Amino acid sequence: MKTGEKLVKVEGVALEALPGLLFRVKCGSPSGEKEILAHLAGKLKLNRIKVIPGDRVLIEMANENDTRGRIIRRL
């Protein structure tokens, strides 16, 4: 991502935990419902915040049509 780029924040539900701190997340974006791959943001790792399948999370993506993102908050 570029430094001046706008990021899209979307709320979703963690469906599955994958190896390497990746999660499959089902999110309801404005373009429809889809599944994306998301990894944990640095602050979640540093503070050892656990995310388990079934948790609601806030995801940050480069654009609306992206298939990858970053989990920035557990709701």
PDB file of N, CA and C in Angstrom:
ATOM      1  N   MET A   1       0.823  -1.172   0.000  1.00  0.00           N
ATOM      2  CA  MET A   1       0.000   0.000   0.000  1.00  0.00           C
ATOM      3  C   MET A   1       0.872   1.243   0.000  1.00  0.00           C
ATOM      4  N   LYS A   2       0.414   2.254  -0.693  1.00  0.00           N
ATOM      5  CA  LYS A   2       1.133   3.507  -0.734  1.00  0.00           C
ATOM      6  C   LYS A   2       0.804   4.332   0.500  1.00  0.00           C
ATOM      7  N   THR A   3       1.651   5.283   0.825  1.00  0.00           N
ATOM      8  CA  THR A   3       1.487   6.025   2.068  1.00  0.00           C
ATOM      9  C   THR A   3       0.253   6.922   2.067  1.00  0.00           C
ATOM     10  N   GLY A   4      -0.113   7.541   0.970  1.00  0.00           N
ATOM     11  CA  GLY A   4      -1.242   8.454   0.930  1.00  0.00           C
ATOM     12  C   GLY A   4      -2.545   7.799   0.520  1.00  0.00           C
ATOM     13  N   GLU A   5      -2.566   6.500   0.450  1.00  0.00           N
ATOM     14  CA  GLU A   5      -3.727   5.781  -0.057  1.00  0.00           C
ATOM     15  C   GLU A   5      -4.827   5.660   1.003  1.00  0.00           C
ATOM     16  N   LYS A   6      -6.089   5.830   0.567  1.00  0.00           N
ATOM     17  CA  LYS A   6      -7.228   5.667   1.467  1.00  0.00           C
ATOM     18  C   LYS A   6      -7.486   4.186   1.701  1.00  0.00           C
ATOM     19  N   LEU A   7      -7.804   3.822   2.923  1.00  0.00           N
ATOM     20  CA  LEU A   7      -8.076   2.446   3.273  1.00  0.00           C
ATOM     21  C   LEU A   7      -9.562   2.276   3.572  1.00  0.00           C
ATOM     22  N   VAL A   8     -10.098   1.142   3.182  1.00  0.00           N
ATOM     23  CA  VAL A   8     -11.501   0.828   3.417  1.00  0.00           C
ATOM     24  C   VAL A   8     -11.600  -0.034   4.663  1.00  0.00           C
ATOM     25  N   LYS A   9     -12.475   0.344   5.605  1.00  0.00           N
ATOM     26  CA  LYS A   9     -12.674  -0.439   6.826  1.00  0.00           C
ATOM     27  C   LYS A   9     -14.012  -1.147   6.728  1.00  0.00           C
ATOM     28  N   VAL A  10     -13.983  -2.466   6.949  1.00  0.00           N
ATOM     29  CA  VAL A  10     -15.164  -3.301   6.810  1.00  0.00           C
ATOM     30  C   VAL A  10     -15.281  -4.191   8.035  1.00  0.00           C
ATOM     31  N   GLU A  11     -16.510  -4.422   8.488  1.00  0.00           N
ATOM     32  CA  GLU A  11     -16.749  -5.320   9.618  1.00  0.00           C
ATOM     33  C   GLU A  11     -17.062  -6.710   9.086  1.00  0.00           C
ATOM     34  N   GLY A  12     -16.559  -7.737   9.786  1.00  0.00           N
ATOM     35  CA  GLY A  12     -16.795  -9.104   9.351  1.00  0.00           C
ATOM     36  C   GLY A  12     -16.727 -10.081  10.508  1.00  0.00           C
ATOM     37  N   VAL A  13     -16.847 -11.373  10.173  1.00  0.00           N
ATOM     38  CA  VAL A  13     -16.810 -12.447  11.166  1.00  0.00           C
ATOM     39  C   VAL A  13     -15.714 -13.428  10.773  1.00  0.00           C
ATOM     40  N   ALA A  14     -14.835 -13.757  11.719  1.00  0.00           N
ATOM     41  CA  ALA A  14     -13.764 -14.723  11.460  1.00  0.00           C
ATOM     42  C   ALA A  14     -14.384 -16.113  11.347  1.00  0.00           C
ATOM     43  N   LEU A  15     -14.185 -16.762  10.208  1.00  0.00           N
ATOM     44  CA  LEU A  15     -14.750 -18.088   9.977  1.00  0.00           C
ATOM     45  C   LEU A  15     -13.788 -19.201  10.353  1.00  0.00           C
ATOM     46  N   GLU A  16     -12.508 -19.018   9.997  1.00  0.00           N
ATOM     47  CA  GLU A  16     -11.541 -20.106  10.139  1.00  0.00           C
ATOM     48  C   GLU A  16     -10.169 -19.531  10.435  1.00  0.00           C
ATOM     49  N   ALA A  17      -9.433 -20.169  11.332  1.00  0.00           N
ATOM     50  CA  ALA A  17      -8.062 -19.791  11.636  1.00  0.00           C
ATOM     51  C   ALA A  17      -7.135 -20.654  10.784  1.00  0.00           C
ATOM     52  N   LEU A  18      -6.231 -20.020  10.066  1.00  0.00           N
ATOM     53  CA  LEU A  18      -5.286 -20.702   9.192  1.00  0.00           C
ATOM     54  C   LEU A  18      -3.876 -20.552   9.757  1.00  0.00           C
ATOM     55  N   PRO A  19      -2.916 -21.355   9.298  1.00  0.00           N
ATOM     56  CA  PRO A  19      -1.538 -21.231   9.788  1.00  0.00           C
ATOM     57  C   PRO A  19      -0.935 -19.860   9.460  1.00  0.00           C
ATOM     58  N   GLY A  20      -0.027 -19.421  10.289  1.00  0.00           N
ATOM     59  CA  GLY A  20       0.681 -18.169  10.047  1.00  0.00           C
ATOM     60  C   GLY A  20      -0.121 -16.932  10.393  1.00  0.00           C
ATOM     61  N   LEU A  21      -1.007 -17.032  11.388  1.00  0.00           N
ATOM     62  CA  LEU A  21      -1.850 -15.914  11.836  1.00  0.00           C
ATOM     63  C   LEU A  21      -2.731 -15.350  10.728  1.00  0.00           C
ATOM     64  N   LEU A  22      -3.157 -16.201   9.811  1.00  0.00           N
ATOM     65  CA  LEU A  22      -4.118 -15.824   8.771  1.00  0.00           C
ATOM     66  C   LEU A  22      -5.502 -16.280   9.194  1.00  0.00           C
ATOM     67  N   PHE A  23      -6.503 -15.537   8.773  1.00  0.00           N
ATOM     68  CA  PHE A  23      -7.883 -15.877   9.069  1.00  0.00           C
ATOM     69  C   PHE A  23      -8.719 -15.729   7.812  1.00  0.00           C
ATOM     70  N   ARG A  24      -9.677 -16.625   7.646  1.00  0.00           N
ATOM     71  CA  ARG A  24     -10.666 -16.491   6.581  1.00  0.00           C
ATOM     72  C   ARG A  24     -11.840 -15.746   7.212  1.00  0.00           C
ATOM     73  N   VAL A  25     -12.182 -14.591   6.638  1.00  0.00           N
ATOM     74  CA  VAL A  25     -13.182 -13.704   7.221  1.00  0.00           C
ATOM     75  C   VAL A  25     -14.306 -13.472   6.216  1.00  0.00           C
ATOM     76  N   LYS A  26     -15.546 -13.581   6.685  1.00  0.00           N
ATOM     77  CA  LYS A  26     -16.708 -13.277   5.855  1.00  0.00           C
ATOM     78  C   LYS A  26     -17.124 -11.856   6.185  1.00  0.00           C
ATOM     79  N   CYS A  27     -17.077 -10.984   5.173  1.00  0.00           N
ATOM     80  CA  CYS A  27     -17.391  -9.586   5.422  1.00  0.00           C
ATOM     81  C   CYS A  27     -18.532  -9.133   4.525  1.00  0.00           C
ATOM     82  N   GLY A  28     -19.320  -8.235   5.055  1.00  0.00           N
ATOM     83  CA  GLY A  28     -20.416  -7.645   4.291  1.00  0.00           C
ATOM     84  C   GLY A  28     -19.996  -6.282   3.791  1.00  0.00           C
ATOM     85  N   SER A  29     -19.301  -6.239   2.666  1.00  0.00           N
ATOM     86  CA  SER A  29     -18.850  -4.976   2.093  1.00  0.00           C
ATOM     87  C   SER A  29     -19.984  -4.362   1.272  1.00  0.00           C
ATOM     88  N   PRO A  30     -19.875  -3.086   0.903  1.00  0.00           N
ATOM     89  CA  PRO A  30     -20.922  -2.451   0.099  1.00  0.00           C
ATOM     90  C   PRO A  30     -21.157  -3.144  -1.246  1.00  0.00           C
ATOM     91  N   SER A  31     -20.157  -3.833  -1.776  1.00  0.00           N
ATOM     92  CA  SER A  31     -20.317  -4.511  -3.069  1.00  0.00           C
ATOM     93  C   SER A  31     -20.926  -5.904  -2.917  1.00  0.00           C
ATOM     94  N   GLY A  32     -21.253  -6.311  -1.698  1.00  0.00           N
ATOM     95  CA  GLY A  32     -21.846  -7.629  -1.459  1.00  0.00           C
ATOM     96  C   GLY A  32     -21.060  -8.394  -0.419  1.00  0.00           C
ATOM     97  N   GLU A  33     -21.550  -9.579  -0.089  1.00  0.00           N
ATOM     98  CA  GLU A  33     -20.900 -10.410   0.919  1.00  0.00           C
ATOM     99  C   GLU A  33     -19.844 -11.287   0.267  1.00  0.00           C
ATOM    100  N   LYS A  34     -18.644 -11.343   0.871  1.00  0.00           N
ATOM    101  CA  LYS A  34     -17.568 -12.161   0.312  1.00  0.00           C
ATOM    102  C   LYS A  34     -16.632 -12.618   1.409  1.00  0.00           C
ATOM    103  N   GLU A  35     -15.780 -13.588   1.082  1.00  0.00           N
ATOM    104  CA  GLU A  35     -14.778 -14.092   2.015  1.00  0.00           C
ATOM    105  C   GLU A  35     -13.411 -13.577   1.591  1.00  0.00           C
ATOM    106  N   ILE A  36     -12.640 -13.129   2.567  1.00  0.00           N
ATOM    107  CA  ILE A  36     -11.292 -12.645   2.280  1.00  0.00           C
ATOM    108  C   ILE A  36     -10.311 -13.280   3.262  1.00  0.00           C
ATOM    109  N   LEU A  37      -9.032 -13.200   2.937  1.00  0.00           N
ATOM    110  CA  LEU A  37      -7.964 -13.636   3.839  1.00  0.00           C
ATOM    111  C   LEU A  37      -7.425 -12.405   4.553  1.00  0.00           C
ATOM    112  N   ALA A  38      -7.256 -12.500   5.863  1.00  0.00           N
ATOM    113  CA  ALA A  38      -6.771 -11.361   6.631  1.00  0.00           C
ATOM    114  C   ALA A  38      -5.732 -11.827   7.644  1.00  0.00           C
ATOM    115  N   HIS A  39      -4.735 -10.982   7.870  1.00  0.00           N
ATOM    116  CA  HIS A  39      -3.733 -11.275   8.888  1.00  0.00           C
ATOM    117  C   HIS A  39      -3.881 -10.271  10.029  1.00  0.00           C
ATOM    118  N   LEU A  40      -3.258 -10.571  11.159  1.00  0.00           N
ATOM    119  CA  LEU A  40      -3.368  -9.711  12.334  1.00  0.00           C
ATOM    120  C   LEU A  40      -2.467  -8.495  12.200  1.00  0.00           C
ATOM    121  N   ALA A  41      -2.964  -7.350  12.632  1.00  0.00           N
ATOM    122  CA  ALA A  41      -2.169  -6.128  12.660  1.00  0.00           C
ATOM    123  C   ALA A  41      -1.142  -6.215  13.785  1.00  0.00           C
ATOM    124  N   GLY A  42      -0.137  -5.382  13.719  1.00  0.00           N
ATOM    125  CA  GLY A  42       0.963  -5.404  14.674  1.00  0.00           C
ATOM    126  C   GLY A  42       0.551  -5.181  16.116  1.00  0.00           C
ATOM    127  N   LYS A  43      -0.389  -4.262  16.365  1.00  0.00           N
ATOM    128  CA  LYS A  43      -0.816  -3.980  17.739  1.00  0.00           C
ATOM    129  C   LYS A  43      -1.518  -5.180  18.363  1.00  0.00           C
ATOM    130  N   LEU A  44      -2.253  -5.943  17.561  1.00  0.00           N
ATOM    131  CA  LEU A  44      -2.912  -7.141  18.095  1.00  0.00           C
ATOM    132  C   LEU A  44      -1.875  -8.192  18.472  1.00  0.00           C
ATOM    133  N   LYS A  45      -0.817  -8.303  17.676  1.00  0.00           N
ATOM    134  CA  LYS A  45       0.251  -9.262  17.986  1.00  0.00           C
ATOM    135  C   LYS A  45       1.014  -8.838  19.240  1.00  0.00           C
ATOM    136  N   LEU A  46       1.370  -7.548  19.320  1.00  0.00           N
ATOM    137  CA  LEU A  46       2.150  -7.057  20.455  1.00  0.00           C
ATOM    138  C   LEU A  46       1.395  -7.200  21.772  1.00  0.00           C
ATOM    139  N   ASN A  47       0.103  -6.928  21.755  1.00  0.00           N
ATOM    140  CA  ASN A  47      -0.696  -7.007  22.975  1.00  0.00           C
ATOM    141  C   ASN A  47      -1.308  -8.381  23.196  1.00  0.00           C
ATOM    142  N   ARG A  48      -0.956  -9.334  22.346  1.00  0.00           N
ATOM    143  CA  ARG A  48      -1.391 -10.729  22.449  1.00  0.00           C
ATOM    144  C   ARG A  48      -2.910 -10.861  22.540  1.00  0.00           C
ATOM    145  N   ILE A  49      -3.602 -10.136  21.674  1.00  0.00           N
ATOM    146  CA  ILE A  49      -5.060 -10.224  21.610  1.00  0.00           C
ATOM    147  C   ILE A  49      -5.421 -11.411  20.741  1.00  0.00           C
ATOM    148  N   LYS A  50      -6.202 -12.317  21.288  1.00  0.00           N
ATOM    149  CA  LYS A  50      -6.558 -13.548  20.584  1.00  0.00           C
ATOM    150  C   LYS A  50      -7.800 -13.322  19.721  1.00  0.00           C
ATOM    151  N   VAL A  51      -7.778 -13.867  18.533  1.00  0.00           N
ATOM    152  CA  VAL A  51      -8.938 -13.876  17.650  1.00  0.00           C
ATOM    153  C   VAL A  51      -9.259 -15.333  17.369  1.00  0.00           C
ATOM    154  N   ILE A  52     -10.489 -15.725  17.634  1.00  0.00           N
ATOM    155  CA  ILE A  52     -10.896 -17.108  17.391  1.00  0.00           C
ATOM    156  C   ILE A  52     -12.069 -17.109  16.410  1.00  0.00           C
ATOM    157  N   PRO A  53     -12.293 -18.221  15.712  1.00  0.00           N
ATOM    158  CA  PRO A  53     -13.423 -18.286  14.783  1.00  0.00           C
ATOM    159  C   PRO A  53     -14.738 -17.966  15.490  1.00  0.00           C
ATOM    160  N   GLY A  54     -15.528 -17.121  14.862  1.00  0.00           N
ATOM    161  CA  GLY A  54     -16.790 -16.665  15.434  1.00  0.00           C
ATOM    162  C   GLY A  54     -16.726 -15.243  15.950  1.00  0.00           C
ATOM    163  N   ASP A  55     -15.530 -14.684  16.118  1.00  0.00           N
ATOM    164  CA  ASP A  55     -15.380 -13.309  16.598  1.00  0.00           C
ATOM    165  C   ASP A  55     -15.714 -12.313  15.503  1.00  0.00           C
ATOM    166  N   ARG A  56     -16.329 -11.193  15.902  1.00  0.00           N
ATOM    167  CA  ARG A  56     -16.538 -10.080  14.970  1.00  0.00           C
ATOM    168  C   ARG A  56     -15.263  -9.245  14.966  1.00  0.00           C
ATOM    169  N   VAL A  57     -14.800  -8.863  13.781  1.00  0.00           N
ATOM    170  CA  VAL A  57     -13.549  -8.120  13.651  1.00  0.00           C
ATOM    171  C   VAL A  57     -13.735  -6.953  12.685  1.00  0.00           C
ATOM    172  N   LEU A  58     -12.848  -5.978  12.781  1.00  0.00           N
ATOM    173  CA  LEU A  58     -12.808  -4.848  11.868  1.00  0.00           C
ATOM    174  C   LEU A  58     -11.587  -5.044  10.971  1.00  0.00           C
ATOM    175  N   ILE A  59     -11.799  -4.990   9.656  1.00  0.00           N
ATOM    176  CA  ILE A  59     -10.749  -5.269   8.682  1.00  0.00           C
ATOM    177  C   ILE A  59     -10.445  -4.011   7.889  1.00  0.00           C
ATOM    178  N   GLU A  60      -9.173  -3.830   7.580  1.00  0.00           N
ATOM    179  CA  GLU A  60      -8.715  -2.710   6.775  1.00  0.00           C
ATOM    180  C   GLU A  60      -8.196  -3.262   5.449  1.00  0.00           C
ATOM    181  N   MET A  61      -8.716  -2.749   4.327  1.00  0.00           N
ATOM    182  CA  MET A  61      -8.305  -3.209   3.001  1.00  0.00           C
ATOM    183  C   MET A  61      -7.890  -2.019   2.156  1.00  0.00           C
ATOM    184  N   ALA A  62      -7.067  -2.279   1.136  1.00  0.00           N
ATOM    185  CA  ALA A  62      -6.606  -1.219   0.253  1.00  0.00           C
ATOM    186  C   ALA A  62      -7.751  -0.674  -0.590  1.00  0.00           C
ATOM    187  N   ASN A  63      -8.595  -1.560  -1.099  1.00  0.00           N
ATOM    188  CA  ASN A  63      -9.781  -1.120  -1.821  1.00  0.00           C
ATOM    189  C   ASN A  63     -10.897  -2.120  -1.598  1.00  0.00           C
ATOM    190  N   GLU A  64     -12.075  -1.780  -2.044  1.00  0.00           N
ATOM    191  CA  GLU A  64     -13.269  -2.577  -1.788  1.00  0.00           C
ATOM    192  C   GLU A  64     -13.230  -3.953  -2.442  1.00  0.00           C
ATOM    193  N   ASN A  65     -12.551  -4.082  -3.581  1.00  0.00           N
ATOM    194  CA  ASN A  65     -12.531  -5.332  -4.339  1.00  0.00           C
ATOM    195  C   ASN A  65     -11.342  -6.225  -3.981  1.00  0.00           C
ATOM    196  N   ASP A  66     -10.606  -5.878  -2.956  1.00  0.00           N
ATOM    197  CA  ASP A  66      -9.422  -6.637  -2.573  1.00  0.00           C
ATOM    198  C   ASP A  66      -9.809  -7.968  -1.934  1.00  0.00           C
ATOM    199  N   THR A  67      -8.944  -8.980  -2.079  1.00  0.00           N
ATOM    200  CA  THR A  67      -9.203 -10.288  -1.481  1.00  0.00           C
ATOM    201  C   THR A  67      -8.356 -10.517  -0.236  1.00  0.00           C
ATOM    202  N   ARG A  68      -7.523  -9.560   0.125  1.00  0.00           N
ATOM    203  CA  ARG A  68      -6.684  -9.675   1.322  1.00  0.00           C
ATOM    204  C   ARG A  68      -6.831  -8.413   2.154  1.00  0.00           C
ATOM    205  N   GLY A  69      -6.634  -8.571   3.467  1.00  0.00           N
ATOM    206  CA  GLY A  69      -6.759  -7.429   4.358  1.00  0.00           C
ATOM    207  C   GLY A  69      -6.005  -7.637   5.647  1.00  0.00           C
ATOM    208  N   ARG A  70      -6.241  -6.717   6.591  1.00  0.00           N
ATOM    209  CA  ARG A  70      -5.550  -6.766   7.876  1.00  0.00           C
ATOM    210  C   ARG A  70      -6.590  -6.557   8.976  1.00  0.00           C
ATOM    211  N   ILE A  71      -6.581  -7.430   9.967  1.00  0.00           N
ATOM    212  CA  ILE A  71      -7.495  -7.305  11.102  1.00  0.00           C
ATOM    213  C   ILE A  71      -6.923  -6.263  12.042  1.00  0.00           C
ATOM    214  N   ILE A  72      -7.655  -5.162  12.248  1.00  0.00           N
ATOM    215  CA  ILE A  72      -7.136  -4.092  13.086  1.00  0.00           C
ATOM    216  C   ILE A  72      -7.822  -4.011  14.441  1.00  0.00           C
ATOM    217  N   ARG A  73      -8.980  -4.690  14.586  1.00  0.00           N
ATOM    218  CA  ARG A  73      -9.685  -4.620  15.859  1.00  0.00           C
ATOM    219  C   ARG A  73     -10.612  -5.823  16.029  1.00  0.00           C
ATOM    220  N   ARG A  74     -10.720  -6.297  17.245  1.00  0.00           N
ATOM    221  CA  ARG A  74     -11.681  -7.340  17.590  1.00  0.00           C
ATOM    222  C   ARG A  74     -12.861  -6.678  18.263  1.00  0.00           C
ATOM    223  N   LEU A  75     -14.061  -6.914  17.751  1.00  0.00           N
ATOM    224  CA  LEU A  75     -15.253  -6.226  18.284  1.00  0.00           C
ATOM    225  C   LEU A  75     -16.002  -7.046  19.301  1.00  0.00           C
TER     226      LEU A  75
END
